[in-house]
Amino acid sequence: MKVLVADPDPSTADALRSVLGDHLAVLRSVDGPRALQAIHDDDEIGVLLAETRLAGLSGIELLRRSRALRPDLQVVLLTAFGTVEDAVEAMREGAADFKSKPFEPDEICLSIERALERRQLVRENHDLRAALDDRLRIDNMVATDARMQEIFKVVKTVSQARTTVLITGESGTGKTLLARAIHNLSDRRGAPFVEVNCGALPEGLIESELFGHVKGAFTGAVKDRPGKFEAAHGGTIFLDEIGTSSPGFQVRLLRVLQDRTLERVGDSTTLPVDVRVILATNIDLERAVRERTFREDLYYRIHVVTLEMPPLRARKADVPFLVEHFLQRFGADAGKPAKSVDRAAMDVLVHYPWPGNVRQLENVIERAVVLGAGEVISVADLPTTLQTASKSAVAHDDDLVPADVHLQPLRKALEAPERRILERALQHHGGNREATARALEINRSTLFNKLRKFGIK
């Protein structure tokens, strides 16, 4: 690690070399432009000590440009003519410290030590956020649940292949988002992604809609019309609610999957088609095969790679991350800063069973953002169904406590929930302790003491 001194007076660098010894290398530039060039060329420079009155570039301007170039660089400004206004401006621009000349070398060494600690925290936080972004996200999906992480791994692997993918799970679990993620991560992402809800199409029209028809094929077919498969040529077609499709459609789909060709309704001409097929269902296809409502040969053709989306109630740890994701999205849509959710409301959101899964949570957050009067969403901003369910759960919990239960001292009894709150808040803010302290409305010293008390790292 190196310290760069930008000061025309050589005594500053000499004084630092005498006290730092072999711990840190001390470099020197006599003006602003040379200092900026050194920062650009040498990534090992972690701290910049800059005189405010530099030739070619003021200390404040050097601070701005160097921080824009290297956000983790820590800058300590030095001046013999400083004012309170100068110090305020320096700190506003991101300076780690502001020192007046003359100074004691030991005092400057302490500033450097603190600056290096701050730099390390910035880097750790950046690395953690990058790791979390990579771990929690795939395309526009957010998750921490272990099962979802396994699904993400499979998606990254299978996206580059042409393999047919079947996605199962309850309505609202994100099957369409997952299909889009597979398409967007593939080399077909520049081609169309065509979505078809098989359950929303009348049985008499589904074959024409997907495979197209020729003029005169049926009443109302006044001209040739290509279908969704042809529209998706070179890209991906997503067939949702495939379990509701008719036997005739299943026969045609099986041929497309086997031969990569299709025939328009009313025509015998065979057309080649290059399409990646992704299917989804919220029904048990194995049971449908046993009941002879779904073709067995088609089932085994599409059952190559199957991804089962877990319901939201089975991955409650994802709720705070999804809430944050939706808050940012709807805040951006509204053109204003994202709102936050207070602890009581978040507790309700985490423990609600979510029969409508992620889609229902998304709608609840959008409603709270649009209708909520304040900047913080409280329990009162949530739908009545959630509030009622929360009260019922609390009453039920109270009923489960025996009258003769062994009581602990209050401080001891509160340790377990306090620890859970700290862990959840720290996880929610990506390990950022300053943000965690701010969210919990306690100072950092109190937070550090509590983390140390509970052995949380």
Protein backbone atom coordinates (compact mmCIF):
# COMPACT_ATOMS: atom_id res chain seq x y z
CA MET A 1 0.00 0.00 0.00
CA LYS A 2 1.24 3.50 -0.85
CA VAL A 3 0.56 7.03 0.33
CA LEU A 4 0.78 9.86 -2.20
CA VAL A 5 1.66 13.33 -0.92
CA ALA A 6 0.63 16.15 -3.27
CA ASP A 7 2.48 19.13 -1.81
CA PRO A 8 5.11 21.48 -3.27
CA ASP A 9 6.76 21.54 0.15
CA PRO A 10 9.03 18.44 0.44
CA SER A 11 8.99 18.56 4.25
CA THR A 12 5.52 16.99 4.40
CA ALA A 13 6.64 13.84 2.59
CA ASP A 14 9.91 13.74 4.53
CA ALA A 15 8.07 13.93 7.87
CA LEU A 16 5.79 11.05 6.87
CA ARG A 17 8.67 8.87 5.73
CA SER A 18 10.37 9.37 9.08
CA VAL A 19 7.38 8.11 11.08
CA LEU A 20 5.94 5.52 8.71
CA GLY A 21 9.26 3.79 8.18
CA ASP A 22 8.80 0.56 6.22
CA HIS A 23 5.07 0.26 6.86
CA LEU A 24 3.91 2.31 3.89
CA ALA A 25 5.66 3.65 0.81
CA VAL A 26 5.44 7.44 0.56
CA LEU A 27 5.34 9.01 -2.93
CA ARG A 28 5.31 12.72 -3.76
CA SER A 29 3.91 14.96 -6.48
CA VAL A 30 4.54 18.70 -6.63
CA ASP A 31 1.28 19.68 -8.35
CA GLY A 32 -2.29 18.54 -8.97
CA PRO A 33 -2.06 17.18 -12.54
CA ARG A 34 0.95 14.98 -11.70
CA ALA A 35 -0.82 13.67 -8.59
CA LEU A 36 -3.92 12.78 -10.64
CA GLN A 37 -1.78 10.99 -13.21
CA ALA A 38 -0.04 9.01 -10.46
CA ILE A 39 -3.42 7.93 -9.06
CA HIS A 40 -4.50 6.85 -12.53
CA ASP A 41 -1.32 4.82 -13.10
CA ASP A 42 -0.83 3.19 -9.67
CA ASP A 43 -3.64 1.12 -8.09
CA GLU A 44 -1.56 0.60 -4.96
CA ILE A 45 -2.04 4.21 -3.87
CA GLY A 46 -4.64 3.94 -1.12
CA VAL A 47 -4.38 7.36 0.54
CA LEU A 48 -3.79 10.82 -0.91
CA LEU A 49 -2.55 13.71 1.26
CA ALA A 50 -3.12 16.88 -0.74
CA GLU A 51 -2.36 20.52 -0.04
CA THR A 52 -5.44 22.62 -0.83
CA ARG A 53 -3.38 25.18 -2.78
CA LEU A 54 -1.75 23.18 -5.57
CA ALA A 55 -0.45 24.40 -8.90
CA GLY A 56 -2.55 23.37 -11.90
CA LEU A 57 -5.35 21.81 -9.82
CA SER A 58 -6.70 22.83 -6.43
CA GLY A 59 -6.83 20.33 -3.61
CA ILE A 60 -10.65 20.27 -3.70
CA GLU A 61 -10.69 19.70 -7.47
CA LEU A 62 -8.02 17.00 -7.11
CA LEU A 63 -10.25 15.40 -4.44
CA ARG A 64 -13.24 15.37 -6.81
CA ARG A 65 -11.35 13.99 -9.79
CA SER A 66 -9.36 11.39 -7.92
CA ARG A 67 -12.48 10.09 -6.14
CA ALA A 68 -14.30 9.89 -9.47
CA LEU A 69 -11.35 7.91 -10.83
CA ARG A 70 -10.98 5.68 -7.76
CA PRO A 71 -14.03 5.67 -5.44
CA ASP A 72 -12.16 3.69 -2.76
CA LEU A 73 -9.28 6.22 -2.60
CA GLN A 74 -9.15 8.07 0.72
CA VAL A 75 -8.13 11.74 0.64
CA VAL A 76 -6.80 13.85 3.51
CA LEU A 77 -6.57 17.57 2.72
CA LEU A 78 -3.86 19.76 4.27
CA THR A 79 -3.85 23.54 4.50
CA ALA A 80 -2.11 26.39 6.25
CA PHE A 81 -4.99 28.77 5.58
CA GLY A 82 -8.04 26.63 6.23
CA THR A 83 -11.45 27.84 7.32
CA VAL A 84 -14.51 26.07 8.67
CA GLU A 85 -16.19 26.52 5.27
CA ASP A 86 -13.23 24.81 3.57
CA ALA A 87 -13.43 21.87 5.96
CA VAL A 88 -17.19 21.50 5.43
CA GLU A 89 -16.78 21.55 1.65
CA ALA A 90 -13.96 18.99 1.84
CA MET A 91 -16.00 16.58 3.94
CA ARG A 92 -19.01 17.07 1.67
CA GLU A 93 -16.88 16.08 -1.32
CA GLY A 94 -15.81 12.88 0.43
CA ALA A 95 -12.54 13.77 2.16
CA ALA A 96 -11.52 11.33 4.89
CA ASP A 97 -10.04 14.18 6.98
CA PHE A 98 -9.04 17.85 6.90
CA LYS A 99 -5.87 18.93 8.73
CA SER A 100 -4.24 22.30 9.33
CA LYS A 101 -0.52 23.02 8.99
CA PRO A 102 1.74 22.79 10.82
CA PHE A 103 0.83 19.33 12.07
CA GLU A 104 2.30 16.66 14.27
CA PRO A 105 3.50 13.63 12.24
CA ASP A 106 1.83 11.25 14.69
CA GLU A 107 -1.46 13.07 14.18
CA ILE A 108 -1.22 12.65 10.41
CA CYS A 109 -0.30 8.98 10.85
CA LEU A 110 -3.50 8.51 12.84
CA SER A 111 -5.49 10.13 10.02
CA ILE A 112 -3.81 7.80 7.52
CA GLU A 113 -4.59 4.77 9.67
CA ARG A 114 -8.25 5.74 9.90
CA ALA A 115 -8.36 6.43 6.17
CA LEU A 116 -6.95 2.99 5.41
CA GLU A 117 -9.53 1.37 7.71
CA ARG A 118 -12.26 3.30 5.93
CA ARG A 119 -10.88 2.23 2.55
CA GLN A 120 -10.95 -1.40 3.66
CA LEU A 121 -14.56 -1.08 4.76
CA VAL A 122 -15.51 0.51 1.43
CA ARG A 123 -13.83 -2.32 -0.48
CA GLU A 124 -15.37 -5.03 1.70
CA ASN A 125 -18.80 -3.48 1.29
CA HIS A 126 -18.34 -3.22 -2.48
CA ASP A 127 -17.16 -6.83 -2.71
CA LEU A 128 -20.03 -8.00 -0.52
CA ARG A 129 -22.61 -6.15 -2.61
CA ALA A 130 -21.09 -7.55 -5.79
CA ALA A 131 -21.16 -11.06 -4.33
CA LEU A 132 -24.74 -10.59 -3.14
CA ASP A 133 -25.84 -9.22 -6.50
CA ASP A 134 -24.30 -12.25 -8.20
CA ARG A 135 -25.72 -14.66 -5.63
CA LEU A 136 -29.16 -13.15 -5.22
CA ARG A 137 -30.01 -12.18 -8.75
CA ILE A 138 -30.48 -13.75 -12.12
CA ASP A 139 -31.84 -11.41 -14.75
CA ASN A 140 -34.78 -9.71 -12.96
CA MET A 141 -35.21 -12.33 -10.23
CA VAL A 142 -34.14 -11.99 -6.59
CA ALA A 143 -33.65 -14.87 -4.14
CA THR A 144 -31.54 -16.12 -1.23
CA ASP A 145 -33.33 -19.44 -0.72
CA ALA A 146 -31.07 -22.47 -1.27
CA ARG A 147 -33.53 -24.11 -3.67
CA MET A 148 -33.75 -20.94 -5.73
CA GLN A 149 -29.97 -20.73 -5.85
CA GLU A 150 -29.86 -24.26 -7.25
CA ILE A 151 -32.44 -23.25 -9.85
CA PHE A 152 -30.28 -20.23 -10.77
CA LYS A 153 -27.28 -22.51 -11.26
CA VAL A 154 -29.24 -24.81 -13.57
CA VAL A 155 -30.57 -21.82 -15.52
CA LYS A 156 -27.06 -20.48 -16.11
CA THR A 157 -25.97 -23.91 -17.31
CA VAL A 158 -28.95 -24.76 -19.52
CA SER A 159 -29.47 -21.30 -21.01
CA GLN A 160 -26.82 -21.80 -23.70
CA ALA A 161 -28.29 -25.11 -24.87
CA ARG A 162 -31.35 -25.68 -27.04
CA THR A 163 -32.78 -28.11 -24.50
CA THR A 164 -36.52 -27.95 -23.80
CA VAL A 165 -37.21 -26.76 -20.24
CA LEU A 166 -40.33 -27.47 -18.16
CA ILE A 167 -41.03 -25.09 -15.26
CA THR A 168 -43.51 -26.22 -12.61
CA GLY A 169 -44.95 -24.48 -9.58
CA GLU A 170 -47.95 -22.64 -8.20
CA SER A 171 -49.38 -19.58 -9.91
CA GLY A 172 -47.46 -16.41 -9.10
CA THR A 173 -44.14 -18.08 -8.24
CA GLY A 174 -42.28 -16.46 -11.13
CA LYS A 175 -42.34 -19.09 -13.87
CA THR A 176 -42.59 -16.47 -16.61
CA LEU A 177 -39.69 -14.47 -15.16
CA LEU A 178 -37.59 -17.63 -15.05
CA ALA A 179 -38.41 -18.39 -18.69
CA ARG A 180 -37.37 -14.86 -19.65
CA ALA A 181 -34.15 -15.25 -17.68
CA ILE A 182 -33.29 -18.41 -19.62
CA HIS A 183 -33.91 -16.55 -22.90
CA ASN A 184 -32.01 -13.41 -21.84
CA LEU A 185 -28.97 -15.43 -20.76
CA SER A 186 -28.88 -17.43 -23.99
CA ASP A 187 -27.34 -16.59 -27.36
CA ARG A 188 -30.95 -16.18 -28.60
CA ARG A 189 -31.53 -13.05 -26.49
CA GLY A 190 -31.41 -10.81 -29.60
CA ALA A 191 -34.26 -12.79 -31.18
CA PRO A 192 -37.96 -12.76 -30.17
CA PHE A 193 -39.30 -14.10 -26.89
CA VAL A 194 -42.91 -15.08 -27.59
CA GLU A 195 -45.20 -15.86 -24.67
CA VAL A 196 -48.42 -17.86 -25.11
CA ASN A 197 -50.89 -18.62 -22.34
CA CYS A 198 -52.40 -21.90 -23.52
CA GLY A 199 -55.13 -21.74 -20.88
CA ALA A 200 -56.37 -18.38 -22.16
CA LEU A 201 -56.93 -19.55 -25.76
CA PRO A 202 -60.15 -21.29 -26.84
CA GLU A 203 -59.59 -24.91 -27.79
CA GLY A 204 -60.65 -24.27 -31.38
CA LEU A 205 -58.13 -21.46 -31.86
CA ILE A 206 -55.01 -22.64 -30.04
CA GLU A 207 -53.62 -24.67 -32.96
CA SER A 208 -54.20 -21.85 -35.43
CA GLU A 209 -52.72 -19.31 -33.01
CA LEU A 210 -49.52 -21.30 -32.49
CA PHE A 211 -48.99 -22.99 -35.87
CA GLY A 212 -50.74 -20.52 -38.18
CA HIS A 213 -53.28 -21.27 -40.91
CA VAL A 214 -53.81 -20.86 -44.60
CA LYS A 215 -56.67 -19.09 -46.34
CA GLY A 216 -59.86 -21.15 -46.24
CA ALA A 217 -58.66 -23.51 -43.51
CA PHE A 218 -61.80 -22.68 -41.51
CA THR A 219 -64.61 -20.14 -41.41
CA GLY A 220 -63.07 -16.72 -40.98
CA ALA A 221 -59.64 -17.68 -42.35
CA VAL A 222 -59.66 -15.08 -45.12
CA LYS A 223 -55.92 -15.05 -45.65
CA ASP A 224 -52.72 -16.94 -44.76
CA ARG A 225 -51.47 -16.18 -41.28
CA PRO A 226 -48.22 -17.32 -39.61
CA GLY A 227 -48.45 -18.57 -36.03
CA LYS A 228 -46.54 -17.88 -32.82
CA PHE A 229 -43.93 -20.55 -33.56
CA GLU A 230 -42.96 -18.82 -36.80
CA ALA A 231 -42.95 -15.45 -35.00
CA ALA A 232 -40.45 -16.89 -32.50
CA HIS A 233 -38.11 -18.26 -35.20
CA GLY A 234 -34.51 -17.96 -34.01
CA GLY A 235 -35.67 -17.16 -30.48
CA THR A 236 -37.73 -18.69 -27.68
CA ILE A 237 -41.39 -19.58 -27.31
CA PHE A 238 -42.82 -19.88 -23.81
CA LEU A 239 -45.95 -22.03 -23.51
CA ASP A 240 -47.61 -21.31 -20.17
CA GLU A 241 -50.31 -23.57 -18.67
CA ILE A 242 -49.34 -26.36 -21.06
CA GLY A 243 -51.31 -28.84 -18.94
CA THR A 244 -54.59 -27.35 -20.20
CA SER A 245 -53.84 -27.92 -23.89
CA SER A 246 -56.02 -30.10 -26.12
CA PRO A 247 -55.04 -33.60 -27.39
CA GLY A 248 -54.82 -32.30 -30.97
CA PHE A 249 -52.45 -29.53 -29.99
CA GLN A 250 -50.31 -31.97 -28.00
CA VAL A 251 -49.85 -34.14 -31.12
CA ARG A 252 -48.72 -31.14 -33.17
CA LEU A 253 -46.39 -29.90 -30.40
CA LEU A 254 -44.79 -33.33 -30.15
CA ARG A 255 -43.95 -33.22 -33.85
CA VAL A 256 -42.41 -29.74 -33.56
CA LEU A 257 -40.21 -30.93 -30.69
CA GLN A 258 -39.18 -34.12 -32.49
CA ASP A 259 -38.72 -32.91 -36.07
CA ARG A 260 -38.31 -29.12 -35.65
CA THR A 261 -40.92 -28.67 -38.37
CA LEU A 262 -44.57 -27.61 -38.44
CA GLU A 263 -47.57 -27.42 -40.75
CA ARG A 264 -50.04 -24.54 -40.74
CA VAL A 265 -53.65 -25.51 -40.14
CA GLY A 266 -55.24 -26.47 -43.48
CA ASP A 267 -51.88 -26.93 -45.23
CA SER A 268 -49.66 -29.97 -45.87
CA THR A 269 -46.49 -27.97 -46.55
CA THR A 270 -43.80 -28.66 -43.99
CA LEU A 271 -41.98 -25.59 -42.63
CA PRO A 272 -38.69 -25.81 -40.70
CA VAL A 273 -38.62 -23.82 -37.46
CA ASP A 274 -35.70 -22.93 -35.19
CA VAL A 275 -37.26 -22.30 -31.79
CA ARG A 276 -36.23 -22.98 -28.21
CA VAL A 277 -39.30 -24.24 -26.31
CA ILE A 278 -39.89 -23.50 -22.63
CA LEU A 279 -43.10 -24.75 -21.01
CA ALA A 280 -44.77 -24.12 -17.66
CA THR A 281 -47.60 -25.66 -15.69
CA ASN A 282 -49.16 -25.38 -12.26
CA ILE A 283 -50.75 -28.85 -12.41
CA ASP A 284 -49.26 -32.28 -11.75
CA LEU A 285 -48.43 -33.58 -15.23
CA GLU A 286 -47.60 -37.09 -13.98
CA ARG A 287 -51.09 -37.31 -12.56
CA ALA A 288 -52.49 -35.89 -15.83
CA VAL A 289 -50.66 -38.67 -17.71
CA ARG A 290 -52.17 -41.31 -15.42
CA GLU A 291 -55.62 -39.79 -15.95
CA ARG A 292 -54.97 -39.76 -19.74
CA THR A 293 -55.53 -36.00 -20.07
CA PHE A 294 -51.91 -35.44 -21.11
CA ARG A 295 -49.96 -37.52 -23.62
CA GLU A 296 -47.33 -39.73 -22.07
CA ASP A 297 -44.95 -39.44 -25.04
CA LEU A 298 -45.17 -35.63 -24.94
CA TYR A 299 -44.58 -35.63 -21.19
CA TYR A 300 -41.32 -37.54 -21.56
CA ARG A 301 -40.31 -35.33 -24.49
CA ILE A 302 -40.68 -32.13 -22.42
CA HIS A 303 -39.44 -33.68 -19.17
CA VAL A 304 -35.77 -33.15 -20.10
CA VAL A 305 -34.86 -30.35 -17.69
CA THR A 306 -37.51 -29.60 -15.05
CA LEU A 307 -37.33 -26.66 -12.67
CA GLU A 308 -39.78 -26.62 -9.76
CA MET A 309 -40.43 -23.13 -8.38
CA PRO A 310 -41.06 -23.22 -4.61
CA PRO A 311 -43.97 -21.18 -3.20
CA LEU A 312 -43.09 -17.93 -1.43
CA ARG A 313 -44.35 -19.26 1.94
CA ALA A 314 -41.57 -21.88 1.74
CA ARG A 315 -38.83 -19.25 1.27
CA LYS A 316 -39.67 -16.52 3.77
CA ALA A 317 -36.06 -15.34 3.95
CA ASP A 318 -36.50 -13.97 0.41
CA VAL A 319 -39.37 -11.67 1.39
CA PRO A 320 -37.24 -8.70 2.66
CA PHE A 321 -35.10 -8.81 -0.49
CA LEU A 322 -38.15 -8.98 -2.74
CA VAL A 323 -39.76 -6.11 -0.84
CA GLU A 324 -36.64 -3.98 -1.32
CA HIS A 325 -36.54 -4.90 -5.01
CA PHE A 326 -40.19 -3.91 -5.54
CA LEU A 327 -39.79 -0.69 -3.51
CA GLN A 328 -36.92 0.43 -5.73
CA ARG A 329 -38.76 -0.52 -8.90
CA PHE A 330 -42.02 1.20 -8.06
CA GLY A 331 -40.16 4.20 -6.65
CA ALA A 332 -38.32 4.52 -9.98
CA ASP A 333 -41.61 4.15 -11.87
CA ALA A 334 -43.06 6.97 -9.79
CA GLY A 335 -39.97 9.13 -10.36
CA LYS A 336 -39.26 9.55 -6.65
CA PRO A 337 -36.97 8.00 -4.00
CA ALA A 338 -37.91 4.50 -2.94
CA LYS A 339 -39.90 4.19 0.27
CA SER A 340 -38.88 1.98 3.18
CA VAL A 341 -40.83 -0.48 5.32
CA ASP A 342 -40.85 -0.26 9.11
CA ARG A 343 -40.02 -3.27 11.23
CA ALA A 344 -43.60 -4.10 12.24
CA ALA A 345 -44.80 -4.06 8.63
CA MET A 346 -41.84 -6.14 7.48
CA ASP A 347 -42.62 -8.68 10.18
CA VAL A 348 -46.19 -8.96 8.85
CA LEU A 349 -44.92 -9.36 5.28
CA VAL A 350 -42.43 -12.06 6.25
CA HIS A 351 -44.91 -14.17 8.19
CA TYR A 352 -47.92 -13.89 5.87
CA PRO A 353 -48.52 -17.21 3.97
CA TRP A 354 -48.83 -15.54 0.50
CA PRO A 355 -51.32 -17.79 -1.30
CA GLY A 356 -50.74 -15.68 -4.43
CA ASN A 357 -46.96 -15.99 -4.06
CA VAL A 358 -44.53 -13.38 -5.44
CA ARG A 359 -47.17 -11.84 -7.70
CA GLN A 360 -49.36 -11.10 -4.67
CA LEU A 361 -46.41 -9.59 -2.74
CA GLU A 362 -45.60 -7.41 -5.76
CA ASN A 363 -49.18 -6.12 -5.88
CA VAL A 364 -49.20 -5.42 -2.13
CA ILE A 365 -45.99 -3.37 -2.33
CA GLU A 366 -47.19 -1.46 -5.39
CA ARG A 367 -50.43 -0.61 -3.56
CA ALA A 368 -48.51 0.55 -0.48
CA VAL A 369 -46.18 2.73 -2.57
CA VAL A 370 -49.07 4.34 -4.47
CA LEU A 371 -51.48 4.82 -1.55
CA GLY A 372 -49.08 5.27 1.38
CA ALA A 373 -48.93 8.91 2.51
CA GLY A 374 -45.53 8.87 4.21
CA GLU A 375 -42.02 7.85 3.24
CA VAL A 376 -42.17 4.79 5.50
CA ILE A 377 -44.69 2.00 4.90
CA SER A 378 -46.34 0.85 8.13
CA VAL A 379 -48.77 -1.93 8.96
CA ALA A 380 -51.64 0.52 8.37
CA ASP A 381 -50.57 0.83 4.72
CA LEU A 382 -50.97 -2.92 4.14
CA PRO A 383 -54.22 -4.55 2.95
CA THR A 384 -56.75 -5.51 5.62
CA THR A 385 -56.28 -9.21 4.88
CA LEU A 386 -52.63 -9.01 5.90
CA GLN A 387 -53.39 -7.00 9.05
CA THR A 388 -56.10 -9.47 10.10
CA ALA A 389 -53.84 -12.46 9.47
CA SER A 390 -51.11 -10.83 11.55
CA LYS A 391 -53.44 -10.23 14.52
CA SER A 392 -54.71 -13.80 14.32
CA ALA A 393 -51.15 -15.15 14.33
CA VAL A 394 -50.26 -13.08 17.42
CA ALA A 395 -53.38 -14.29 19.23
CA HIS A 396 -52.57 -17.87 18.30
CA ASP A 397 -49.02 -17.50 19.59
CA ASP A 398 -50.36 -16.17 22.88
CA ASP A 399 -52.66 -19.19 23.23
CA LEU A 400 -49.68 -21.51 22.83
CA VAL A 401 -47.92 -20.15 25.95
CA PRO A 402 -48.83 -22.32 28.98
CA ALA A 403 -49.99 -20.45 32.05
CA ASP A 404 -47.37 -22.19 34.20
CA VAL A 405 -44.47 -21.55 31.80
CA HIS A 406 -41.10 -20.97 33.49
CA LEU A 407 -40.46 -17.23 33.28
CA GLN A 408 -36.98 -15.82 32.64
CA PRO A 409 -35.71 -12.39 33.55
CA LEU A 410 -36.95 -9.97 30.90
CA ARG A 411 -33.44 -9.07 29.70
CA LYS A 412 -32.61 -12.75 29.21
CA ALA A 413 -35.93 -13.51 27.48
CA LEU A 414 -35.40 -10.70 24.98
CA GLU A 415 -31.93 -11.85 23.90
CA ALA A 416 -33.13 -14.43 21.34
CA PRO A 417 -35.51 -12.10 19.44
CA GLU A 418 -32.98 -9.27 19.65
CA ARG A 419 -30.33 -11.49 18.09
CA ARG A 420 -32.72 -12.52 15.28
CA ILE A 421 -33.56 -8.88 14.56
CA LEU A 422 -29.87 -7.96 14.37
CA GLU A 423 -29.05 -10.87 12.07
CA ARG A 424 -32.01 -10.17 9.80
CA ALA A 425 -31.23 -6.44 9.59
CA LEU A 426 -27.55 -7.08 8.90
CA GLN A 427 -28.43 -9.59 6.17
CA HIS A 428 -31.00 -7.22 4.66
CA HIS A 429 -28.37 -4.46 4.33
CA GLY A 430 -25.72 -6.72 2.83
CA GLY A 431 -23.47 -6.64 5.90
CA ASN A 432 -23.28 -2.83 5.86
CA ARG A 433 -23.16 -1.98 9.56
CA GLU A 434 -23.67 1.74 9.12
CA ALA A 435 -26.86 1.17 7.11
CA THR A 436 -27.97 -1.47 9.64
CA ALA A 437 -27.50 0.92 12.56
CA ARG A 438 -29.41 3.63 10.73
CA ALA A 439 -32.30 1.26 9.93
CA LEU A 440 -32.51 0.09 13.56
CA GLU A 441 -32.28 3.72 14.76
CA ILE A 442 -29.28 3.07 17.00
CA ASN A 443 -25.77 4.48 16.81
CA ARG A 444 -22.91 2.44 15.41
CA SER A 445 -21.21 1.96 18.78
CA THR A 446 -24.37 0.40 20.19
CA LEU A 447 -24.64 -1.87 17.16
CA PHE A 448 -21.00 -2.97 17.40
CA ASN A 449 -21.41 -3.73 21.11
CA LYS A 450 -24.52 -5.82 20.47
CA LEU A 451 -22.88 -7.72 17.60
CA ARG A 452 -19.90 -8.45 19.85
CA LYS A 453 -22.25 -9.51 22.68
CA PHE A 454 -24.03 -12.07 20.47
CA GLY A 455 -20.91 -13.16 18.57
CA ILE A 456 -22.32 -11.98 15.23
CA LYS A 457 -19.68 -11.34 12.59
